[in-house]
PDB file of N, CA and C in Angstrom:
ATOM      1  N   MET A   1      35.802  49.685  29.272  1.00  0.00           N
ATOM      2  CA  MET A   1      36.552  50.902  29.493  1.00  0.00           C
ATOM      3  C   MET A   1      37.798  50.894  28.607  1.00  0.00           C
ATOM      4  N   ALA A   2      37.997  51.928  27.870  1.00  0.00           N
ATOM      5  CA  ALA A   2      39.155  52.030  26.984  1.00  0.00           C
ATOM      6  C   ALA A   2      40.409  52.382  27.782  1.00  0.00           C
ATOM      7  N   SER A   3      41.537  51.973  27.265  1.00  0.00           N
ATOM      8  CA  SER A   3      42.809  52.271  27.914  1.00  0.00           C
ATOM      9  C   SER A   3      43.186  53.728  27.713  1.00  0.00           C
ATOM     10  N   ASP A   4      43.879  54.288  28.701  1.00  0.00           N
ATOM     11  CA  ASP A   4      44.371  55.658  28.610  1.00  0.00           C
ATOM     12  C   ASP A   4      45.616  55.686  27.729  1.00  0.00           C
ATOM     13  N   LYS A   5      45.707  56.686  26.870  1.00  0.00           N
ATOM     14  CA  LYS A   5      46.880  56.833  25.994  1.00  0.00           C
ATOM     15  C   LYS A   5      48.153  56.991  26.829  1.00  0.00           C
ATOM     16  N   GLU A   6      48.052  57.640  27.979  1.00  0.00           N
ATOM     17  CA  GLU A   6      49.215  57.820  28.857  1.00  0.00           C
ATOM     18  C   GLU A   6      49.740  56.469  29.347  1.00  0.00           C
ATOM     19  N   PHE A   7      48.836  55.550  29.674  1.00  0.00           N
ATOM     20  CA  PHE A   7      49.246  54.217  30.118  1.00  0.00           C
ATOM     21  C   PHE A   7      49.932  53.474  28.972  1.00  0.00           C
ATOM     22  N   VAL A   8      49.364  53.562  27.795  1.00  0.00           N
ATOM     23  CA  VAL A   8      49.939  52.890  26.623  1.00  0.00           C
ATOM     24  C   VAL A   8      51.330  53.453  26.328  1.00  0.00           C
ATOM     25  N   ASP A   9      51.465  54.771  26.382  1.00  0.00           N
ATOM     26  CA  ASP A   9      52.774  55.389  26.161  1.00  0.00           C
ATOM     27  C   ASP A   9      53.792  54.918  27.195  1.00  0.00           C
ATOM     28  N   TYR A  10      53.357  54.772  28.442  1.00  0.00           N
ATOM     29  CA  TYR A  10      54.242  54.274  29.501  1.00  0.00           C
ATOM     30  C   TYR A  10      54.709  52.854  29.171  1.00  0.00           C
ATOM     31  N   ILE A  11      53.781  51.999  28.766  1.00  0.00           N
ATOM     32  CA  ILE A  11      54.130  50.610  28.425  1.00  0.00           C
ATOM     33  C   ILE A  11      55.122  50.585  27.264  1.00  0.00           C
ATOM     34  N   LEU A  12      54.876  51.375  26.231  1.00  0.00           N
ATOM     35  CA  LEU A  12      55.796  51.419  25.088  1.00  0.00           C
ATOM     36  C   LEU A  12      57.175  51.902  25.509  1.00  0.00           C
ATOM     37  N   ASP A  13      57.221  52.878  26.393  1.00  0.00           N
ATOM     38  CA  ASP A  13      58.499  53.378  26.900  1.00  0.00           C
ATOM     39  C   ASP A  13      59.231  52.287  27.687  1.00  0.00           C
ATOM     40  N   GLN A  14      58.494  51.520  28.461  1.00  0.00           N
ATOM     41  CA  GLN A  14      59.095  50.433  29.245  1.00  0.00           C
ATOM     42  C   GLN A  14      59.681  49.349  28.334  1.00  0.00           C
ATOM     43  N   MET A  15      59.097  49.165  27.148  1.00  0.00           N
ATOM     44  CA  MET A  15      59.543  48.127  26.201  1.00  0.00           C
ATOM     45  C   MET A  15      60.552  48.646  25.189  1.00  0.00           C
ATOM     46  N   ALA A  16      60.877  49.909  25.243  1.00  0.00           N
ATOM     47  CA  ALA A  16      61.664  50.561  24.188  1.00  0.00           C
ATOM     48  C   ALA A  16      63.005  49.890  23.911  1.00  0.00           C
ATOM     49  N   SER A  17      63.659  49.361  24.930  1.00  0.00           N
ATOM     50  CA  SER A  17      64.981  48.766  24.685  1.00  0.00           C
ATOM     51  C   SER A  17      64.903  47.455  23.906  1.00  0.00           C
ATOM     52  N   ALA A  18      63.697  46.911  23.712  1.00  0.00           N
ATOM     53  CA  ALA A  18      63.537  45.742  22.849  1.00  0.00           C
ATOM     54  C   ALA A  18      63.736  46.147  21.389  1.00  0.00           C
ATOM     55  N   GLY A  19      63.471  47.427  21.076  1.00  0.00           N
ATOM     56  CA  GLY A  19      63.628  47.931  19.714  1.00  0.00           C
ATOM     57  C   GLY A  19      62.443  47.602  18.829  1.00  0.00           C
ATOM     58  N   GLY A  20      62.089  48.526  17.959  1.00  0.00           N
ATOM     59  CA  GLY A  20      61.041  48.287  16.972  1.00  0.00           C
ATOM     60  C   GLY A  20      59.642  48.140  17.537  1.00  0.00           C
ATOM     61  N   VAL A  21      59.358  48.745  18.691  1.00  0.00           N
ATOM     62  CA  VAL A  21      58.057  48.602  19.340  1.00  0.00           C
ATOM     63  C   VAL A  21      57.164  49.774  18.964  1.00  0.00           C
ATOM     64  N   SER A  22      55.916  49.460  18.607  1.00  0.00           N
ATOM     65  CA  SER A  22      54.930  50.485  18.274  1.00  0.00           C
ATOM     66  C   SER A  22      53.547  49.980  18.663  1.00  0.00           C
ATOM     67  N   CYS A  23      52.540  50.830  18.501  1.00  0.00           N
ATOM     68  CA  CYS A  23      51.186  50.380  18.805  1.00  0.00           C
ATOM     69  C   CYS A  23      50.208  50.938  17.794  1.00  0.00           C
ATOM     70  N   ARG A  24      49.038  50.350  17.776  1.00  0.00           N
ATOM     71  CA  ARG A  24      47.950  50.797  16.908  1.00  0.00           C
ATOM     72  C   ARG A  24      46.658  50.679  17.695  1.00  0.00           C
ATOM     73  N   LYS A  25      45.866  51.741  17.643  1.00  0.00           N
ATOM     74  CA  LYS A  25      44.583  51.735  18.339  1.00  0.00           C
ATOM     75  C   LYS A  25      43.604  50.874  17.548  1.00  0.00           C
ATOM     76  N   MET A  26      42.931  49.976  18.268  1.00  0.00           N
ATOM     77  CA  MET A  26      41.963  49.081  17.643  1.00  0.00           C
ATOM     78  C   MET A  26      40.773  48.908  18.573  1.00  0.00           C
ATOM     79  N   PHE A  27      39.619  49.288  18.120  1.00  0.00           N
ATOM     80  CA  PHE A  27      38.375  49.099  18.864  1.00  0.00           C
ATOM     81  C   PHE A  27      38.434  49.700  20.267  1.00  0.00           C
ATOM     82  N   GLY A  28      39.083  50.841  20.400  1.00  0.00           N
ATOM     83  CA  GLY A  28      39.179  51.519  21.685  1.00  0.00           C
ATOM     84  C   GLY A  28      40.313  51.020  22.558  1.00  0.00           C
ATOM     85  N   GLU A  29      40.992  49.972  22.143  1.00  0.00           N
ATOM     86  CA  GLU A  29      42.130  49.431  22.881  1.00  0.00           C
ATOM     87  C   GLU A  29      43.344  49.465  21.955  1.00  0.00           C
ATOM     88  N   TYR A  30      44.434  48.826  22.361  1.00  0.00           N
ATOM     89  CA  TYR A  30      45.679  48.949  21.598  1.00  0.00           C
ATOM     90  C   TYR A  30      46.335  47.596  21.365  1.00  0.00           C
ATOM     91  N   ALA A  31      46.849  47.420  20.148  1.00  0.00           N
ATOM     92  CA  ALA A  31      47.701  46.283  19.821  1.00  0.00           C
ATOM     93  C   ALA A  31      49.134  46.784  19.839  1.00  0.00           C
ATOM     94  N   VAL A  32      50.030  46.028  20.474  1.00  0.00           N
ATOM     95  CA  VAL A  32      51.445  46.386  20.549  1.00  0.00           C
ATOM     96  C   VAL A  32      52.205  45.502  19.562  1.00  0.00           C
ATOM     97  N   TYR A  33      52.986  46.146  18.711  1.00  0.00           N
ATOM     98  CA  TYR A  33      53.749  45.462  17.668  1.00  0.00           C
ATOM     99  C   TYR A  33      55.238  45.555  17.949  1.00  0.00           C
ATOM    100  N   ARG A  34      55.939  44.527  17.534  1.00  0.00           N
ATOM    101  CA  ARG A  34      57.401  44.586  17.471  1.00  0.00           C
ATOM    102  C   ARG A  34      57.811  43.937  16.164  1.00  0.00           C
ATOM    103  N   ASN A  35      58.515  44.694  15.371  1.00  0.00           N
ATOM    104  CA  ASN A  35      58.987  44.213  14.070  1.00  0.00           C
ATOM    105  C   ASN A  35      57.853  43.633  13.225  1.00  0.00           C
ATOM    106  N   GLY A  36      56.710  44.305  13.233  1.00  0.00           N
ATOM    107  CA  GLY A  36      55.578  43.895  12.400  1.00  0.00           C
ATOM    108  C   GLY A  36      54.715  42.784  12.957  1.00  0.00           C
ATOM    109  N   LYS A  37      55.026  42.303  14.143  1.00  0.00           N
ATOM    110  CA  LYS A  37      54.253  41.223  14.757  1.00  0.00           C
ATOM    111  C   LYS A  37      53.495  41.752  15.971  1.00  0.00           C
ATOM    112  N   VAL A  38      52.241  41.326  16.131  1.00  0.00           N
ATOM    113  CA  VAL A  38      51.502  41.674  17.342  1.00  0.00           C
ATOM    114  C   VAL A  38      52.037  40.798  18.466  1.00  0.00           C
ATOM    115  N   VAL A  39      52.563  41.446  19.507  1.00  0.00           N
ATOM    116  CA  VAL A  39      53.131  40.705  20.634  1.00  0.00           C
ATOM    117  C   VAL A  39      52.343  40.907  21.921  1.00  0.00           C
ATOM    118  N   ALA A  40      51.479  41.938  21.938  1.00  0.00           N
ATOM    119  CA  ALA A  40      50.743  42.235  23.165  1.00  0.00           C
ATOM    120  C   ALA A  40      49.507  43.059  22.848  1.00  0.00           C
ATOM    121  N   LEU A  41      48.606  43.088  23.817  1.00  0.00           N
ATOM    122  CA  LEU A  41      47.435  43.948  23.768  1.00  0.00           C
ATOM    123  C   LEU A  41      47.386  44.749  25.058  1.00  0.00           C
ATOM    124  N   VAL A  42      46.937  45.982  24.958  1.00  0.00           N
ATOM    125  CA  VAL A  42      46.671  46.784  26.145  1.00  0.00           C
ATOM    126  C   VAL A  42      45.167  47.009  26.159  1.00  0.00           C
ATOM    127  N   CYS A  43      44.510  46.448  27.152  1.00  0.00           N
ATOM    128  CA  CYS A  43      43.059  46.544  27.286  1.00  0.00           C
ATOM    129  C   CYS A  43      42.721  46.911  28.726  1.00  0.00           C
ATOM    130  N   ASP A  44      41.834  47.881  28.898  1.00  0.00           N
ATOM    131  CA  ASP A  44      41.430  48.324  30.242  1.00  0.00           C
ATOM    132  C   ASP A  44      42.625  48.651  31.123  1.00  0.00           C
ATOM    133  N   ASN A  45      43.632  49.312  30.539  1.00  0.00           N
ATOM    134  CA  ASN A  45      44.857  49.689  31.254  1.00  0.00           C
ATOM    135  C   ASN A  45      45.557  48.494  31.892  1.00  0.00           C
ATOM    136  N   GLN A  46      45.542  47.381  31.178  1.00  0.00           N
ATOM    137  CA  GLN A  46      46.270  46.184  31.595  1.00  0.00           C
ATOM    138  C   GLN A  46      47.060  45.683  30.399  1.00  0.00           C
ATOM    139  N   LEU A  47      48.231  45.068  30.678  1.00  0.00           N
ATOM    140  CA  LEU A  47      49.093  44.545  29.627  1.00  0.00           C
ATOM    141  C   LEU A  47      48.920  43.041  29.503  1.00  0.00           C
ATOM    142  N   PHE A  48      48.590  42.609  28.287  1.00  0.00           N
ATOM    143  CA  PHE A  48      48.425  41.194  27.971  1.00  0.00           C
ATOM    144  C   PHE A  48      49.441  40.823  26.897  1.00  0.00           C
ATOM    145  N   ILE A  49      50.321  39.869  27.209  1.00  0.00           N
ATOM    146  CA  ILE A  49      51.358  39.415  26.279  1.00  0.00           C
ATOM    147  C   ILE A  49      50.887  38.119  25.627  1.00  0.00           C
ATOM    148  N   LYS A  50      51.112  38.003  24.300  1.00  0.00           N
ATOM    149  CA  LYS A  50      50.750  36.765  23.611  1.00  0.00           C
ATOM    150  C   LYS A  50      51.470  35.588  24.260  1.00  0.00           C
ATOM    151  N   PRO A  51      50.761  34.507  24.502  1.00  0.00           N
ATOM    152  CA  PRO A  51      51.400  33.364  25.152  1.00  0.00           C
ATOM    153  C   PRO A  51      52.307  32.582  24.202  1.00  0.00           C
ATOM    154  N   THR A  52      53.507  32.282  24.678  1.00  0.00           N
ATOM    155  CA  THR A  52      54.456  31.446  23.949  1.00  0.00           C
ATOM    156  C   THR A  52      55.158  30.553  24.968  1.00  0.00           C
ATOM    157  N   PRO A  53      55.690  29.408  24.532  1.00  0.00           N
ATOM    158  CA  PRO A  53      56.431  28.557  25.469  1.00  0.00           C
ATOM    159  C   PRO A  53      57.632  29.277  26.091  1.00  0.00           C
ATOM    160  N   GLY A  54      58.374  30.019  25.283  1.00  0.00           N
ATOM    161  CA  GLY A  54      59.532  30.752  25.805  1.00  0.00           C
ATOM    162  C   GLY A  54      59.133  31.825  26.793  1.00  0.00           C
ATOM    163  N   GLY A  55      58.028  32.501  26.517  1.00  0.00           N
ATOM    164  CA  GLY A  55      57.530  33.514  27.435  1.00  0.00           C
ATOM    165  C   GLY A  55      57.125  32.909  28.764  1.00  0.00           C
ATOM    166  N   LYS A  56      56.471  31.762  28.701  1.00  0.00           N
ATOM    167  CA  LYS A  56      56.050  31.089  29.935  1.00  0.00           C
ATOM    168  C   LYS A  56      57.261  30.659  30.749  1.00  0.00           C
ATOM    169  N   ALA A  57      58.280  30.134  30.085  1.00  0.00           N
ATOM    170  CA  ALA A  57      59.497  29.729  30.789  1.00  0.00           C
ATOM    171  C   ALA A  57      60.188  30.935  31.424  1.00  0.00           C
ATOM    172  N   PHE A  58      60.185  32.063  30.726  1.00  0.00           N
ATOM    173  CA  PHE A  58      60.823  33.272  31.232  1.00  0.00           C
ATOM    174  C   PHE A  58      60.063  33.834  32.433  1.00  0.00           C
ATOM    175  N   ILE A  59      58.745  33.857  32.350  1.00  0.00           N
ATOM    176  CA  ILE A  59      57.922  34.429  33.414  1.00  0.00           C
ATOM    177  C   ILE A  59      57.900  33.534  34.647  1.00  0.00           C
ATOM    178  N   GLY A  60      57.807  32.229  34.419  1.00  0.00           N
ATOM    179  CA  GLY A  60      57.671  31.302  35.550  1.00  0.00           C
ATOM    180  C   GLY A  60      56.202  31.132  35.896  1.00  0.00           C
ATOM    181  N   ALA A  61      55.832  31.461  37.125  1.00  0.00           N
ATOM    182  CA  ALA A  61      54.431  31.369  37.540  1.00  0.00           C
ATOM    183  C   ALA A  61      53.662  32.482  36.848  1.00  0.00           C
ATOM    184  N   VAL A  62      52.887  32.113  35.843  1.00  0.00           N
ATOM    185  CA  VAL A  62      52.235  33.100  34.992  1.00  0.00           C
ATOM    186  C   VAL A  62      50.737  33.168  35.287  1.00  0.00           C
ATOM    187  N   THR A  63      50.212  34.386  35.261  1.00  0.00           N
ATOM    188  CA  THR A  63      48.775  34.597  35.375  1.00  0.00           C
ATOM    189  C   THR A  63      48.236  34.748  33.965  1.00  0.00           C
ATOM    190  N   GLN A  64      47.173  34.007  33.666  1.00  0.00           N
ATOM    191  CA  GLN A  64      46.573  34.100  32.345  1.00  0.00           C
ATOM    192  C   GLN A  64      45.155  34.639  32.469  1.00  0.00           C
ATOM    193  N   ALA A  65      44.764  35.436  31.472  1.00  0.00           N
ATOM    194  CA  ALA A  65      43.423  36.005  31.442  1.00  0.00           C
ATOM    195  C   ALA A  65      43.133  36.446  30.011  1.00  0.00           C
ATOM    196  N   PRO A  66      41.859  36.492  29.646  1.00  0.00           N
ATOM    197  CA  PRO A  66      41.521  37.016  28.321  1.00  0.00           C
ATOM    198  C   PRO A  66      41.528  38.545  28.346  1.00  0.00           C
ATOM    199  N   PRO A  67      42.083  39.190  27.321  1.00  0.00           N
ATOM    200  CA  PRO A  67      42.112  40.651  27.299  1.00  0.00           C
ATOM    201  C   PRO A  67      40.726  41.281  27.098  1.00  0.00           C
ATOM    202  N   TYR A  68      39.814  40.529  26.515  1.00  0.00           N
ATOM    203  CA  TYR A  68      38.443  40.989  26.308  1.00  0.00           C
ATOM    204  C   TYR A  68      37.539  39.762  26.239  1.00  0.00           C
ATOM    205  N   THR A  69      36.260  39.968  26.389  1.00  0.00           N
ATOM    206  CA  THR A  69      35.298  38.865  26.398  1.00  0.00           C
ATOM    207  C   THR A  69      35.386  38.067  25.105  1.00  0.00           C
ATOM    208  N   GLY A  70      35.515  36.758  25.240  1.00  0.00           N
ATOM    209  CA  GLY A  70      35.581  35.872  24.092  1.00  0.00           C
ATOM    210  C   GLY A  70      36.977  35.642  23.540  1.00  0.00           C
ATOM    211  N   ALA A  71      37.971  36.316  24.090  1.00  0.00           N
ATOM    212  CA  ALA A  71      39.348  36.173  23.601  1.00  0.00           C
ATOM    213  C   ALA A  71      40.019  34.952  24.216  1.00  0.00           C
ATOM    214  N   LYS A  72      41.080  34.495  23.559  1.00  0.00           N
ATOM    215  CA  LYS A  72      41.919  33.435  24.115  1.00  0.00           C
ATOM    216  C   LYS A  72      42.694  33.987  25.304  1.00  0.00           C
ATOM    217  N   GLN A  73      43.257  33.102  26.092  1.00  0.00           N
ATOM    218  CA  GLN A  73      44.049  33.488  27.253  1.00  0.00           C
ATOM    219  C   GLN A  73      45.382  34.095  26.815  1.00  0.00           C
ATOM    220  N   PHE A  74      45.756  35.181  27.438  1.00  0.00           N
ATOM    221  CA  PHE A  74      47.058  35.830  27.256  1.00  0.00           C
ATOM    222  C   PHE A  74      47.752  35.842  28.610  1.00  0.00           C
ATOM    223  N   PHE A  75      49.047  36.166  28.612  1.00  0.00           N
ATOM    224  CA  PHE A  75      49.761  36.356  29.876  1.00  0.00           C
ATOM    225  C   PHE A  75      49.442  37.759  30.382  1.00  0.00           C
ATOM    226  N   LEU A  76      48.878  37.849  31.570  1.00  0.00           N
ATOM    227  CA  LEU A  76      48.567  39.132  32.182  1.00  0.00           C
ATOM    228  C   LEU A  76      49.774  39.574  33.001  1.00  0.00           C
ATOM    229  N   ILE A  77      50.358  40.710  32.632  1.00  0.00           N
ATOM    230  CA  ILE A  77      51.542  41.220  33.315  1.00  0.00           C
ATOM    231  C   ILE A  77      51.094  42.347  34.239  1.00  0.00           C
ATOM    232  N   GLU A  78      51.294  42.150  35.532  1.00  0.00           N
ATOM    233  CA  GLU A  78      50.842  43.137  36.503  1.00  0.00           C
ATOM    234  C   GLU A  78      51.982  43.687  37.353  1.00  0.00           C
ATOM    235  N   ASP A  79      52.774  42.806  37.938  1.00  0.00           N
ATOM    236  CA  ASP A  79      53.762  43.244  38.926  1.00  0.00           C
ATOM    237  C   ASP A  79      55.142  43.575  38.342  1.00  0.00           C
ATOM    238  N   LYS A  80      55.334  43.423  37.033  1.00  0.00           N
ATOM    239  CA  LYS A  80      56.647  43.678  36.428  1.00  0.00           C
ATOM    240  C   LYS A  80      56.625  44.839  35.444  1.00  0.00           C
ATOM    241  N   LEU A  81      55.561  45.642  35.449  1.00  0.00           N
ATOM    242  CA  LEU A  81      55.449  46.745  34.493  1.00  0.00           C
ATOM    243  C   LEU A  81      56.542  47.788  34.663  1.00  0.00           C
ATOM    244  N   ASP A  82      57.074  47.922  35.868  1.00  0.00           N
ATOM    245  CA  ASP A  82      58.105  48.931  36.124  1.00  0.00           C
ATOM    246  C   ASP A  82      59.526  48.433  35.846  1.00  0.00           C
ATOM    247  N   ASP A  83      59.665  47.154  35.502  1.00  0.00           N
ATOM    248  CA  ASP A  83      60.976  46.561  35.239  1.00  0.00           C
ATOM    249  C   ASP A  83      61.236  46.586  33.729  1.00  0.00           C
ATOM    250  N   ARG A  84      61.876  47.651  33.267  1.00  0.00           N
ATOM    251  CA  ARG A  84      62.095  47.871  31.835  1.00  0.00           C
ATOM    252  C   ARG A  84      62.842  46.730  31.156  1.00  0.00           C
ATOM    253  N   GLU A  85      63.933  46.285  31.764  1.00  0.00           N
ATOM    254  CA  GLU A  85      64.747  45.237  31.137  1.00  0.00           C
ATOM    255  C   GLU A  85      63.998  43.904  31.075  1.00  0.00           C
ATOM    256  N   TRP A  86      63.304  43.573  32.131  1.00  0.00           N
ATOM    257  CA  TRP A  86      62.532  42.326  32.171  1.00  0.00           C
ATOM    258  C   TRP A  86      61.454  42.348  31.099  1.00  0.00           C
ATOM    259  N   LEU A  87      60.724  43.447  31.016  1.00  0.00           N
ATOM    260  CA  LEU A  87      59.634  43.572  30.049  1.00  0.00           C
ATOM    261  C   LEU A  87      60.166  43.560  28.618  1.00  0.00           C
ATOM    262  N   SER A  88      61.276  44.236  28.378  1.00  0.00           N
ATOM    263  CA  SER A  88      61.871  44.242  27.041  1.00  0.00           C
ATOM    264  C   SER A  88      62.342  42.846  26.633  1.00  0.00           C
ATOM    265  N   GLU A  89      62.911  42.118  27.583  1.00  0.00           N
ATOM    266  CA  GLU A  89      63.349  40.746  27.280  1.00  0.00           C
ATOM    267  C   GLU A  89      62.153  39.854  26.971  1.00  0.00           C
ATOM    268  N   LEU A  90      61.072  39.993  27.709  1.00  0.00           N
ATOM    269  CA  LEU A  90      59.863  39.211  27.437  1.00  0.00           C
ATOM    270  C   LEU A  90      59.333  39.523  26.035  1.00  0.00           C
ATOM    271  N   VAL A  91      59.364  40.766  25.643  1.00  0.00           N
ATOM    272  CA  VAL A  91      58.910  41.160  24.304  1.00  0.00           C
ATOM    273  C   VAL A  91      59.818  40.565  23.234  1.00  0.00           C
ATOM    274  N   ARG A  92      61.128  40.549  23.463  1.00  0.00           N
ATOM    275  CA  ARG A  92      62.059  39.942  22.493  1.00  0.00           C
ATOM    276  C   ARG A  92      61.784  38.439  22.359  1.00  0.00           C
ATOM    277  N   ILE A  93      61.599  37.763  23.477  1.00  0.00           N
ATOM    278  CA  ILE A  93      61.312  36.317  23.468  1.00  0.00           C
ATOM    279  C   ILE A  93      60.015  36.042  22.726  1.00  0.00           C
ATOM    280  N   THR A  94      58.989  36.825  23.034  1.00  0.00           N
ATOM    281  CA  THR A  94      57.679  36.639  22.401  1.00  0.00           C
ATOM    282  C   THR A  94      57.763  36.869  20.902  1.00  0.00           C
ATOM    283  N   THR A  95      58.461  37.916  20.490  1.00  0.00           N
ATOM    284  CA  THR A  95      58.605  38.220  19.065  1.00  0.00           C
ATOM    285  C   THR A  95      59.248  37.063  18.314  1.00  0.00           C
ATOM    286  N   ALA A  96      60.244  36.442  18.915  1.00  0.00           N
ATOM    287  CA  ALA A  96      60.947  35.335  18.265  1.00  0.00           C
ATOM    288  C   ALA A  96      60.033  34.137  18.022  1.00  0.00           C
ATOM    289  N   GLU A  97      59.000  33.979  18.854  1.00  0.00           N
ATOM    290  CA  GLU A  97      58.146  32.793  18.754  1.00  0.00           C
ATOM    291  C   GLU A  97      56.809  33.031  18.075  1.00  0.00           C
ATOM    292  N   VAL A  98      56.407  34.282  17.940  1.00  0.00           N
ATOM    293  CA  VAL A  98      55.130  34.584  17.287  1.00  0.00           C
ATOM    294  C   VAL A  98      55.353  34.557  15.776  1.00  0.00           C
ATOM    295  N   PRO A  99      54.501  33.826  15.035  1.00  0.00           N
ATOM    296  CA  PRO A  99      54.694  33.788  13.578  1.00  0.00           C
ATOM    297  C   PRO A  99      54.368  35.130  12.925  1.00  0.00           C
ATOM    298  N   ARG A 100      54.964  35.348  11.772  1.00  0.00           N
ATOM    299  CA  ARG A 100      54.656  36.548  10.990  1.00  0.00           C
ATOM    300  C   ARG A 100      53.187  36.494  10.577  1.00  0.00           C
ATOM    301  N   PRO A 101      52.540  37.653  10.497  1.00  0.00           N
ATOM    302  CA  PRO A 101      51.147  37.649  10.029  1.00  0.00           C
ATOM    303  C   PRO A 101      51.079  37.194   8.582  1.00  0.00           C
ATOM    304  N   LYS A 102      49.994  36.516   8.246  1.00  0.00           N
ATOM    305  CA  LYS A 102      49.807  36.055   6.878  1.00  0.00           C
ATOM    306  C   LYS A 102      49.533  37.257   5.983  1.00  0.00           C
ATOM    307  N   LEU A 103      50.121  37.224   4.817  1.00  0.00           N
ATOM    308  CA  LEU A 103      49.890  38.299   3.861  1.00  0.00           C
ATOM    309  C   LEU A 103      48.482  38.183   3.307  1.00  0.00           C
ATOM    310  N   LYS A 104      47.817  39.321   3.217  1.00  0.00           N
ATOM    311  CA  LYS A 104      46.474  39.332   2.646  1.00  0.00           C
ATOM    312  C   LYS A 104      46.603  39.335   1.137  1.00  0.00           C
ATOM    313  N   THR A 105      45.819  38.495   0.512  1.00  0.00           N
ATOM    314  CA  THR A 105      45.853  38.451  -0.942  1.00  0.00           C
ATOM    315  C   THR A 105      44.699  39.287  -1.483  1.00  0.00           C
ATOM    316  N   LYS A 106      44.975  39.924  -2.596  1.00  0.00           N
ATOM    317  CA  LYS A 106      43.944  40.720  -3.238  1.00  0.00           C
ATOM    318  C   LYS A 106      42.999  39.793  -3.985  1.00  0.00           C
ATOM    319  N   ARG A 107      41.733  40.051  -3.811  1.00  0.00           N
ATOM    320  CA  ARG A 107      40.761  39.275  -4.569  1.00  0.00           C
ATOM    321  C   ARG A 107      40.605  39.920  -5.944  1.00  0.00           C
ATOM    322  N   THR A 108      40.564  39.080  -6.937  1.00  0.00           N
ATOM    323  CA  THR A 108      40.350  39.605  -8.279  1.00  0.00           C
ATOM    324  C   THR A 108      38.884  39.435  -8.632  1.00  0.00           C
ATOM    325  N   LYS A 109      38.369  40.427  -9.293  1.00  0.00           N
ATOM    326  CA  LYS A 109      36.978  40.359  -9.717  1.00  0.00           C
ATOM    327  C   LYS A 109      36.901  39.576 -11.025  1.00  0.00           C
ATOM    328  N   HIS A 110      36.006  38.636 -11.027  1.00  0.00           N
ATOM    329  CA  HIS A 110      35.785  37.862 -12.248  1.00  0.00           C
ATOM    330  C   HIS A 110      34.546  38.411 -12.932  1.00  0.00           C
ATOM    331  N   PRO A 111      34.627  38.554 -14.219  1.00  0.00           N
ATOM    332  CA  PRO A 111      33.437  39.052 -14.927  1.00  0.00           C
ATOM    333  C   PRO A 111      32.280  38.070 -14.783  1.00  0.00           C
ATOM    334  N   ILE A 112      31.097  38.611 -14.701  1.00  0.00           N
ATOM    335  CA  ILE A 112      29.899  37.762 -14.603  1.00  0.00           C
ATOM    336  C   ILE A 112      29.648  37.157 -15.974  1.00  0.00           C
ATOM    337  N   ARG A 113      29.512  35.884 -15.951  1.00  0.00           N
ATOM    338  CA  ARG A 113      29.275  35.166 -17.220  1.00  0.00           C
ATOM    339  C   ARG A 113      27.777  35.034 -17.418  1.00  0.00           C
ATOM    340  N   GLY A 114      27.362  35.310 -18.622  1.00  0.00           N
ATOM    341  CA  GLY A 114      25.926  35.287 -18.884  1.00  0.00           C
ATOM    342  C   GLY A 114      25.449  34.188 -19.716  1.00  0.00           C
TER     343      GLY A 114
END
C-alpha cells in the first residue's frame, strides 16, 4: 500500500523546524531528505528514520522494523509524530551522522578496438 501524500505532507510539516527538509516519491513511497541526505522513509503511512547511534541515544527505547520487505532495520516512529520539536531534533541528529551520498561518476565510452 502506498503512502498518502497528505500523511507525507504532515510529516514534512512536523519536521520543518529542522530546516532543509524535502521528499521525493520513489517506488510509490517517499524518501525524506535533509540537506541532501536521506534521513527517513515514509512507507505504508509509517515513518522510518535511518538508524544512527545518536538517534538511538535520543530516542531511548527504540522500535526497529524494515520499511519494506528485504530492507535493513530502521527506527519506526509511531508515538512521537505529533511532537514537532522532538521529531525535528531527531532529524537534525540523524543528518549529522548520516554520510553524504557518494557522487555518481560518469562512465566514459571507450571506442571498440578491432
